[in-house]
C-alpha atoms as a PDB file:
ATOM      1  CA  SER A   1       0.136   0.147   0.096  1.00  0.00           C
ATOM      2  CA  PHE A   2       0.509   3.440  -0.313  1.00  0.00           C
ATOM      3  CA  GLY A   3       0.517   6.548   1.411  1.00  0.00           C
ATOM      4  CA  PHE A   4       0.726  10.343  -0.303  1.00  0.00           C
ATOM      5  CA  SER A   5       0.476  13.579   0.611  1.00  0.00           C
ATOM      6  CA  LEU A   6       0.677  16.708  -1.260  1.00  0.00           C
ATOM      7  CA  GLY A   7       0.569  20.756  -0.655  1.00  0.00           C
ATOM      8  CA  GLY A   8       1.677  20.674   2.690  1.00  0.00           C
ATOM      9  CA  LYS A   9       4.636  22.472   4.174  1.00  0.00           C
ATOM     10  CA  ILE A  10       6.968  21.479   7.216  1.00  0.00           C
ATOM     11  CA  TYR A  11       8.275  22.834   9.982  1.00  0.00           C
ATOM     12  CA  ASN A  12      11.840  21.243  10.364  1.00  0.00           C
ATOM     13  CA  TYR A  13      12.882  22.417  13.429  1.00  0.00           C
ATOM     14  CA  SER A  14      15.626  19.833  13.503  1.00  0.00           C
ATOM     15  CA  ARG A  15      17.537  21.561  10.499  1.00  0.00           C
ATOM     16  CA  GLN A  16      16.039  25.262  12.631  1.00  0.00           C
ATOM     17  CA  GLU A  17      18.738  23.375  16.015  1.00  0.00           C
ATOM     18  CA  TYR A  18      21.289  21.818  13.769  1.00  0.00           C
ATOM     19  CA  ASP A  19      21.925  24.507  11.051  1.00  0.00           C
ATOM     20  CA  SER A  20      22.176  27.448  13.255  1.00  0.00           C
ATOM     21  CA  ASP A  21      24.861  28.888  11.265  1.00  0.00           C
ATOM     22  CA  GLY A  22      26.995  28.140  14.581  1.00  0.00           C
ATOM     23  CA  ALA A  23      25.052  30.054  16.798  1.00  0.00           C
ATOM     24  CA  TYR A  24      24.745  26.889  19.247  1.00  0.00           C
ATOM     25  CA  THR A  25      28.450  25.748  20.297  1.00  0.00           C
ATOM     26  CA  ASP A  26      27.526  23.871  22.332  1.00  0.00           C
ATOM     27  CA  ARG A  27      25.876  20.940  19.773  1.00  0.00           C
ATOM     28  CA  ASN A  28      27.446  19.357  16.417  1.00  0.00           C
ATOM     29  CA  GLN A  29      26.365  21.334  13.372  1.00  0.00           C
ATOM     30  CA  MET A  30      25.319  19.997   9.882  1.00  0.00           C
ATOM     31  CA  LYS A  31      27.037  19.247   7.671  1.00  0.00           C
ATOM     32  CA  LEU A  32      25.025  21.206   3.657  1.00  0.00           C
ATOM     33  CA  ILE A  33      22.974  18.429   1.630  1.00  0.00           C
ATOM     34  CA  ASP A  34      23.824  18.742  -2.259  1.00  0.00           C
ATOM     35  CA  GLY A  35      23.158  21.243  -3.758  1.00  0.00           C
ATOM     36  CA  TRP A  36      22.848  24.160  -1.137  1.00  0.00           C
ATOM     37  CA  SER A  37      25.578  26.980  -0.094  1.00  0.00           C
ATOM     38  CA  ARG A  38      26.799  28.953   2.254  1.00  0.00           C
ATOM     39  CA  TRP A  39      27.581  32.952   2.075  1.00  0.00           C
ATOM     40  CA  GLU A  40      31.444  33.618   1.558  1.00  0.00           C
ATOM     41  CA  LYS A  41      32.012  36.849   0.269  1.00  0.00           C
ATOM     42  CA  GLU A  42      30.062  39.703  -1.067  1.00  0.00           C
ATOM     43  CA  GLY A  43      27.868  38.999  -4.292  1.00  0.00           C
ATOM     44  CA  ASP A  44      27.536  35.391  -3.310  1.00  0.00           C
ATOM     45  CA  ILE A  45      25.165  33.651  -4.371  1.00  0.00           C
ATOM     46  CA  ALA A  46      23.781  31.116  -1.501  1.00  0.00           C
ATOM     47  CA  THR A  47      21.056  29.140   0.327  1.00  0.00           C
ATOM     48  CA  HIS A  48      22.735  29.536   4.271  1.00  0.00           C
ATOM     49  CA  PRO A  49      24.242  32.797   6.248  1.00  0.00           C
ATOM     50  CA  ALA A  50      27.891  32.330   6.662  1.00  0.00           C
ATOM     51  CA  ALA A  51      28.120  30.620   9.463  1.00  0.00           C
ATOM     52  CA  SER A  52      31.149  31.747  12.650  1.00  0.00           C
ATOM     53  CA  TYR A  53      31.559  30.165  15.823  1.00  0.00           C
ATOM     54  CA  GLY A  54      29.210  31.737  18.448  1.00  0.00           C
ATOM     55  CA  ASN A  55      27.148  34.086  15.226  1.00  0.00           C
ATOM     56  CA  LYS A  56      25.096  36.232  17.551  1.00  0.00           C
ATOM     57  CA  SER A  57      23.414  37.811  13.984  1.00  0.00           C
ATOM     58  CA  ASN A  58      19.984  35.502  14.593  1.00  0.00           C
ATOM     59  CA  SER A  59      19.958  34.141  11.471  1.00  0.00           C
ATOM     60  CA  ASN A  60      19.157  30.645  13.197  1.00  0.00           C
ATOM     61  CA  LYS A  61      15.913  32.075  14.841  1.00  0.00           C
ATOM     62  CA  ALA A  62      12.423  30.751  13.627  1.00  0.00           C
ATOM     63  CA  SER A  63      11.411  31.803  10.142  1.00  0.00           C
ATOM     64  CA  THR A  64      10.265  30.967   6.817  1.00  0.00           C
ATOM     65  CA  ARG A  65      13.877  29.112   6.181  1.00  0.00           C
ATOM     66  CA  TYR A  66      13.397  26.438   7.966  1.00  0.00           C
ATOM     67  CA  LEU A  67       9.532  26.056   5.736  1.00  0.00           C
ATOM     68  CA  GLU A  68       9.351  23.072   3.519  1.00  0.00           C
ATOM     69  CA  ASP A  69       8.185  21.185   0.845  1.00  0.00           C
ATOM     70  CA  GLY A  70       5.783  18.192   2.681  1.00  0.00           C
ATOM     71  CA  ASP A  71       5.181  16.616  -0.382  1.00  0.00           C
ATOM     72  CA  TYR A  72       6.158  12.805  -0.577  1.00  0.00           C
ATOM     73  CA  LEU A  73       4.951   9.678  -2.586  1.00  0.00           C
ATOM     74  CA  LYS A  74       6.158   5.982   0.469  1.00  0.00           C
ATOM     75  CA  LEU A  75       5.454   3.075   0.274  1.00  0.00           C
ATOM     76  CA  ARG A  76       3.986   1.554   3.854  1.00  0.00           C
ATOM     77  CA  SER A  77       3.732  -2.485   2.862  1.00  0.00           C
ATOM     78  CA  LEU A  78       4.790  -4.525   0.217  1.00  0.00           C
ATOM     79  CA  SER A  79       3.211  -8.792   0.287  1.00  0.00           C
ATOM     80  CA  ILE A  80       4.349 -11.089  -2.105  1.00  0.00           C
ATOM     81  CA  GLY A  81       4.101 -14.482  -1.337  1.00  0.00           C
ATOM     82  CA  TYR A  82       3.515 -17.972  -3.614  1.00  0.00           C
ATOM     83  CA  ASN A  83       1.352 -21.075  -2.313  1.00  0.00           C
ATOM     84  CA  LEU A  84       2.296 -24.739  -3.132  1.00  0.00           C
ATOM     85  CA  ASP A  85       0.305 -28.067  -3.757  1.00  0.00           C
ATOM     86  CA  LEU A  86       2.054 -30.376  -1.050  1.00  0.00           C
ATOM     87  CA  SER A  87      -0.761 -32.737  -1.125  1.00  0.00           C
ATOM     88  CA  LYS A  88       1.588 -36.064  -1.850  1.00  0.00           C
ATOM     89  CA  TYR A  89       3.256 -34.981   1.036  1.00  0.00           C
ATOM     90  CA  TYR A  90      -0.126 -34.379   3.181  1.00  0.00           C
ATOM     91  CA  ILE A  91       0.559 -30.707   3.525  1.00  0.00           C
ATOM     92  CA  GLN A  92      -2.619 -29.537   2.284  1.00  0.00           C
ATOM     93  CA  ASN A  93      -0.876 -26.196   1.536  1.00  0.00           C
ATOM     94  CA  MET A  94       2.400 -24.576   2.424  1.00  0.00           C
ATOM     95  CA  ARG A  95       2.377 -20.770   1.463  1.00  0.00           C
ATOM     96  CA  ILE A  96       5.850 -19.291   1.278  1.00  0.00           C
ATOM     97  CA  TYR A  97       5.674 -15.149   1.587  1.00  0.00           C
ATOM     98  CA  PHE A  98       8.392 -11.880   2.018  1.00  0.00           C
ATOM     99  CA  THR A  99       5.571  -8.606   3.512  1.00  0.00           C
ATOM    100  CA  ALA A 100       8.330  -5.647   3.952  1.00  0.00           C
ATOM    101  CA  GLU A 101       6.724  -2.041   5.245  1.00  0.00           C
ATOM    102  CA  ASN A 102       8.139   1.522   5.340  1.00  0.00           C
ATOM    103  CA  VAL A 103      10.021  -0.066   2.581  1.00  0.00           C
ATOM    104  CA  PHE A 104      10.794   3.801   0.447  1.00  0.00           C
ATOM    105  CA  THR A 105      10.084   7.447   0.516  1.00  0.00           C
ATOM    106  CA  LEU A 106      10.206   9.325  -1.957  1.00  0.00           C
ATOM    107  CA  THR A 107      10.383  13.918  -0.743  1.00  0.00           C
ATOM    108  CA  GLY A 108      12.302  16.361  -1.165  1.00  0.00           C
ATOM    109  CA  PHE A 109      12.038  16.823   2.176  1.00  0.00           C
ATOM    110  CA  SER A 110      15.515  17.208   4.145  1.00  0.00           C
ATOM    111  CA  GLY A 111      14.527  15.787   7.448  1.00  0.00           C
ATOM    112  CA  ILE A 112      14.449  11.927   8.750  1.00  0.00           C
ATOM    113  CA  ASP A 113      10.488  11.127   7.747  1.00  0.00           C
ATOM    114  CA  PRO A 114       8.112  13.994   5.828  1.00  0.00           C
ATOM    115  CA  GLU A 115       5.305  12.240   8.080  1.00  0.00           C
ATOM    116  CA  VAL A 116       4.652  14.446  10.889  1.00  0.00           C
ATOM    117  CA  PRO A 117       3.306  12.393  13.547  1.00  0.00           C
ATOM    118  CA  ALA A 118       1.217  14.585  16.462  1.00  0.00           C
ATOM    119  CA  TYR A 119       2.660  15.176  20.178  1.00  0.00           C
ATOM    120  CA  TYR A 120       0.962  14.820  23.397  1.00  0.00           C
ATOM    121  CA  ASP A 121       0.302  17.559  24.974  1.00  0.00           C
ATOM    122  CA  GLU A 122       0.023  17.456  28.962  1.00  0.00           C
ATOM    123  CA  THR A 123      -1.784  20.367  29.814  1.00  0.00           C
ATOM    124  CA  THR A 124      -4.955  19.131  27.714  1.00  0.00           C
ATOM    125  CA  GLY A 125      -4.544  15.818  27.400  1.00  0.00           C
ATOM    126  CA  THR A 126      -4.752  15.325  23.741  1.00  0.00           C
ATOM    127  CA  TYR A 127      -2.504  14.544  21.293  1.00  0.00           C
ATOM    128  CA  LYS A 128      -1.568  17.725  17.969  1.00  0.00           C
ATOM    129  CA  SER A 129      -0.357  18.071  14.939  1.00  0.00           C
ATOM    130  CA  ILE A 130       2.317  20.407  14.487  1.00  0.00           C
ATOM    131  CA  GLY A 131       3.008  20.421  11.224  1.00  0.00           C
ATOM    132  CA  THR A 132       6.830  20.093  12.387  1.00  0.00           C
ATOM    133  CA  ALA A 133       9.698  18.235  12.264  1.00  0.00           C
ATOM    134  CA  GLY A 134      11.458  18.374  15.838  1.00  0.00           C
ATOM    135  CA  ALA A 135      14.915  17.548  16.450  1.00  0.00           C
ATOM    136  CA  ASN A 136      13.962  14.226  18.880  1.00  0.00           C
ATOM    137  CA  LEU A 137      11.887  12.196  16.034  1.00  0.00           C
ATOM    138  CA  TYR A 138      13.020   8.728  15.396  1.00  0.00           C
ATOM    139  CA  PRO A 139      12.346   7.235  11.014  1.00  0.00           C
ATOM    140  CA  SER A 140       9.104   5.031  11.240  1.00  0.00           C
ATOM    141  CA  THR A 141      11.354   1.428  11.124  1.00  0.00           C
ATOM    142  CA  ARG A 142      11.922  -0.789   8.475  1.00  0.00           C
ATOM    143  CA  LYS A 143      10.770  -4.826   8.127  1.00  0.00           C
ATOM    144  CA  PHE A 144      11.507  -7.326   5.946  1.00  0.00           C
ATOM    145  CA  MET A 145       9.693 -10.741   6.747  1.00  0.00           C
ATOM    146  CA  PHE A 146      10.209 -13.729   6.053  1.00  0.00           C
ATOM    147  CA  GLY A 147       7.468 -16.384   6.761  1.00  0.00           C
ATOM    148  CA  ILE A 148       5.705 -19.191   5.752  1.00  0.00           C
ATOM    149  CA  ASN A 149       2.576 -20.913   6.535  1.00  0.00           C
ATOM    150  CA  LEU A 150       1.111 -24.970   6.678  1.00  0.00           C
ATOM    151  CA  THR A 151      -2.047 -25.802   6.549  1.00  0.00           C
ATOM    152  CA  PHE A 152      -1.962 -29.860   7.411  1.00  0.00           C
END
């Protein structure tokens, strides 16, 4: 089965934290992905400001800079199987199968997973969708399973 999303935007909070242009000296900084560049000298056309240790320019504060396209196509599950007639061996049926979950995701989103989870709001006791990919989120686990079903 497939899942998709079109037309949404995601605020990539992970990028705000780790692509901070040197503002946060107590954590690692993100390596720019292909096609992104940092400003270095006057006249440069770049996707990111100059990075400097202890940067006080506030270039990493909340802004549309971290707002990204949330479109994606995801193959959520795939199952392939084959039934064998083994009645001559006193086995009515044998099915061999392979199942996979979270097979792949096609997206332009720079974060780990464009499927933004809800978060639990302790003050109201409800789950809310925030449209934000946070710094402490993990992607859905990819699973591969093989199996055999026997019917006697």
